[in-house]
C-alpha atoms as a PDB file:
ATOM      1  CA  GLN A   1     -13.664   6.843  23.551  1.00  0.00           C
ATOM      2  CA  VAL A   2     -14.002   7.069  19.771  1.00  0.00           C
ATOM      3  CA  GLN A   3     -11.627   4.820  17.864  1.00  0.00           C
ATOM      4  CA  PRO A   4     -11.493   4.016  14.139  1.00  0.00           C
ATOM      5  CA  VAL A   5     -10.270   0.463  13.504  1.00  0.00           C
ATOM      6  CA  GLU A   6      -8.998  -0.539  10.075  1.00  0.00           C
ATOM      7  CA  SER A   7      -8.844  -4.017   8.562  1.00  0.00           C
ATOM      8  CA  GLY A   8      -8.434  -5.709   5.200  1.00  0.00           C
ATOM      9  CA  GLY A   9      -4.814  -5.001   4.345  1.00  0.00           C
ATOM     10  CA  GLY A  10      -2.404  -7.615   3.070  1.00  0.00           C
ATOM     11  CA  LEU A  11      -0.044  -8.694   0.315  1.00  0.00           C
ATOM     12  CA  VAL A  12      -1.352  -8.575  -3.251  1.00  0.00           C
ATOM     13  CA  GLN A  13       0.201  -8.856  -6.683  1.00  0.00           C
ATOM     14  CA  PRO A  14       0.272  -5.889  -9.071  1.00  0.00           C
ATOM     15  CA  GLY A  15      -3.090  -5.577 -10.782  1.00  0.00           C
ATOM     16  CA  GLY A  16      -4.868  -7.154  -7.852  1.00  0.00           C
ATOM     17  CA  SER A  17      -7.555  -5.811  -5.552  1.00  0.00           C
ATOM     18  CA  LEU A  18      -8.162  -5.288  -1.848  1.00  0.00           C
ATOM     19  CA  ARG A  19     -11.030  -3.897   0.194  1.00  0.00           C
ATOM     20  CA  LEU A  20     -10.180  -1.980   3.352  1.00  0.00           C
ATOM     21  CA  SER A  21     -12.687  -1.392   6.134  1.00  0.00           C
ATOM     22  CA  CYS A  22     -12.791   1.213   8.863  1.00  0.00           C
ATOM     23  CA  LYS A  23     -15.234   0.697  11.705  1.00  0.00           C
ATOM     24  CA  VAL A  24     -15.649   3.379  14.329  1.00  0.00           C
ATOM     25  CA  SER A  25     -16.169   2.263  17.887  1.00  0.00           C
ATOM     26  CA  GLY A  26     -17.499   4.504  20.621  1.00  0.00           C
ATOM     27  CA  SER A  27     -20.291   6.999  20.790  1.00  0.00           C
ATOM     28  CA  LEU A  28     -20.370   9.265  17.776  1.00  0.00           C
ATOM     29  CA  ASP A  29     -23.114  10.795  15.699  1.00  0.00           C
ATOM     30  CA  SER A  30     -22.761  10.091  11.988  1.00  0.00           C
ATOM     31  CA  PRO A  31     -19.698  12.194  11.122  1.00  0.00           C
ATOM     32  CA  SER A  32     -19.800  14.767   8.364  1.00  0.00           C
ATOM     33  CA  TYR A  33     -16.913  13.087   6.576  1.00  0.00           C
ATOM     34  CA  MET A  34     -14.580  10.108   6.736  1.00  0.00           C
ATOM     35  CA  GLU A  35     -11.183   9.859   5.070  1.00  0.00           C
ATOM     36  CA  TRP A  36      -8.379   7.518   4.121  1.00  0.00           C
ATOM     37  CA  TYR A  37      -4.697   8.435   4.206  1.00  0.00           C
ATOM     38  CA  ARG A  38      -1.581   6.416   3.449  1.00  0.00           C
ATOM     39  CA  GLN A  39       2.096   6.612   4.308  1.00  0.00           C
ATOM     40  CA  ALA A  40       4.840   4.757   2.512  1.00  0.00           C
ATOM     41  CA  PRO A  41       8.224   4.164   4.172  1.00  0.00           C
ATOM     42  CA  GLY A  42      10.378   7.274   3.993  1.00  0.00           C
ATOM     43  CA  LYS A  43       7.553   9.410   2.609  1.00  0.00           C
ATOM     44  CA  GLN A  44       5.102  11.907   4.034  1.00  0.00           C
ATOM     45  CA  ARG A  45       1.545  10.884   4.775  1.00  0.00           C
ATOM     46  CA  GLU A  46      -0.676  11.333   1.723  1.00  0.00           C
ATOM     47  CA  TRP A  47      -4.422  11.976   1.598  1.00  0.00           C
ATOM     48  CA  VAL A  48      -6.168   9.315  -0.484  1.00  0.00           C
ATOM     49  CA  ALA A  49      -9.923   9.837  -0.409  1.00  0.00           C
ATOM     50  CA  GLN A  50     -12.829  11.437   1.441  1.00  0.00           C
ATOM     51  CA  ILE A  51     -16.529  10.725   1.620  1.00  0.00           C
ATOM     52  CA  THR A  52     -19.126  13.100   3.037  1.00  0.00           C
ATOM     53  CA  HIS A  53     -22.201  12.205   5.063  1.00  0.00           C
ATOM     54  CA  GLY A  54     -24.242  12.636   1.906  1.00  0.00           C
ATOM     55  CA  GLY A  55     -22.035  10.221  -0.019  1.00  0.00           C
ATOM     56  CA  ARG A  56     -20.062  12.666  -2.114  1.00  0.00           C
ATOM     57  CA  ALA A  57     -16.577  11.252  -2.770  1.00  0.00           C
ATOM     58  CA  TYR A  58     -13.264  12.904  -3.513  1.00  0.00           C
ATOM     59  CA  TYR A  59     -10.000  11.268  -4.556  1.00  0.00           C
ATOM     60  CA  ALA A  60      -6.309  11.999  -4.920  1.00  0.00           C
ATOM     61  CA  ASP A  61      -5.265  12.074  -8.561  1.00  0.00           C
ATOM     62  CA  SER A  62      -2.952   9.119  -7.952  1.00  0.00           C
ATOM     63  CA  VAL A  63      -5.880   6.789  -7.147  1.00  0.00           C
ATOM     64  CA  LYS A  64      -8.732   8.295  -9.165  1.00  0.00           C
ATOM     65  CA  GLY A  65     -10.402   5.663 -11.338  1.00  0.00           C
ATOM     66  CA  ARG A  66      -8.877   2.772  -9.355  1.00  0.00           C
ATOM     67  CA  PHE A  67     -10.084   3.321  -5.768  1.00  0.00           C
ATOM     68  CA  THR A  68     -13.659   3.719  -4.546  1.00  0.00           C
ATOM     69  CA  ILE A  69     -14.627   5.014  -1.107  1.00  0.00           C
ATOM     70  CA  SER A  70     -18.007   4.238   0.414  1.00  0.00           C
ATOM     71  CA  ARG A  71     -19.678   4.303   3.829  1.00  0.00           C
ATOM     72  CA  GLU A  72     -22.531   2.889   5.880  1.00  0.00           C
ATOM     73  CA  ASN A  73     -23.739   5.739   8.037  1.00  0.00           C
ATOM     74  CA  GLY A  74     -25.784   3.652  10.415  1.00  0.00           C
ATOM     75  CA  GLN A  75     -22.812   1.354  11.059  1.00  0.00           C
ATOM     76  CA  LEU A  76     -20.188   4.125  11.233  1.00  0.00           C
ATOM     77  CA  THR A  77     -18.177   2.107   8.737  1.00  0.00           C
ATOM     78  CA  CYS A  78     -16.160   3.288   5.784  1.00  0.00           C
ATOM     79  CA  TYR A  79     -14.675   1.192   2.987  1.00  0.00           C
ATOM     80  CA  LEU A  80     -11.904   1.670   0.438  1.00  0.00           C
ATOM     81  CA  GLU A  81     -12.153  -0.616  -2.578  1.00  0.00           C
ATOM     82  CA  MET A  82      -8.771  -0.698  -4.320  1.00  0.00           C
ATOM     83  CA  ASN A  83      -8.430  -2.124  -7.819  1.00  0.00           C
ATOM     84  CA  ASN A  84      -5.563  -2.394 -10.301  1.00  0.00           C
ATOM     85  CA  LEU A  85      -3.077  -2.015  -7.462  1.00  0.00           C
ATOM     86  CA  ARG A  86       0.455  -0.897  -8.234  1.00  0.00           C
ATOM     87  CA  PRO A  87       3.711  -1.310  -6.287  1.00  0.00           C
ATOM     88  CA  GLU A  88       3.622   2.424  -5.556  1.00  0.00           C
ATOM     89  CA  ASP A  89       0.356   1.879  -3.647  1.00  0.00           C
ATOM     90  CA  THR A  90       2.329   0.028  -0.965  1.00  0.00           C
ATOM     91  CA  ALA A  91       1.803   1.888   2.308  1.00  0.00           C
ATOM     92  CA  LEU A  92       0.196   1.909   5.733  1.00  0.00           C
ATOM     93  CA  TYR A  93      -3.406   2.947   5.147  1.00  0.00           C
ATOM     94  CA  SER A  94      -5.135   4.843   7.945  1.00  0.00           C
ATOM     95  CA  CYS A  95      -8.701   5.935   8.477  1.00  0.00           C
ATOM     96  CA  LYS A  96      -9.444   9.403   9.861  1.00  0.00           C
ATOM     97  CA  VAL A  97     -12.854  10.339  11.230  1.00  0.00           C
ATOM     98  CA  LEU A  98     -13.034  14.036  12.091  1.00  0.00           C
ATOM     99  CA  HIS A  99      -9.937  14.322  14.319  1.00  0.00           C
ATOM    100  CA  TRP A 100      -9.696  10.640  15.320  1.00  0.00           C
ATOM    101  CA  TRP A 101      -7.106   8.383  13.648  1.00  0.00           C
ATOM    102  CA  GLY A 102      -6.937   4.620  13.399  1.00  0.00           C
ATOM    103  CA  GLN A 103      -3.761   2.560  13.817  1.00  0.00           C
ATOM    104  CA  GLY A 104      -3.635   1.644  10.145  1.00  0.00           C
ATOM    105  CA  THR A 105      -3.553  -1.497   8.028  1.00  0.00           C
ATOM    106  CA  GLN A 106      -0.584  -2.431   5.846  1.00  0.00           C
ATOM    107  CA  VAL A 107      -1.017  -2.858   2.098  1.00  0.00           C
ATOM    108  CA  THR A 108       1.874  -4.368   0.161  1.00  0.00           C
ATOM    109  CA  VAL A 109       1.747  -4.680  -3.623  1.00  0.00           C
ATOM    110  CA  SER A 110       4.489  -6.946  -4.908  1.00  0.00           C
ATOM    111  CA  SER A 111       5.053  -9.868  -7.227  1.00  0.00           C
END
């Protein structure tokens, strides 16, 4: 059973930083890509970032320049470093590995 598990969410003030982690449990060869999504209350789920096996990263325009995605292939772990957080970044952040989804970790940006 392959299961991504997220951690690292929490409450942070505007302008602050958080680092999310996604660790994949189960038997899985190093996946070709890993992604982060987010969903705010009352809104549709939004793609945030993707990183390929080779380390190439892609970002949504809304987070470009503030968020950084990275991965450790041998550990099947993916990270999302989030800086200069804004209230509009408040959402449930979920990791997606191929077609497997994690349960999500809540990020709340508020003063």
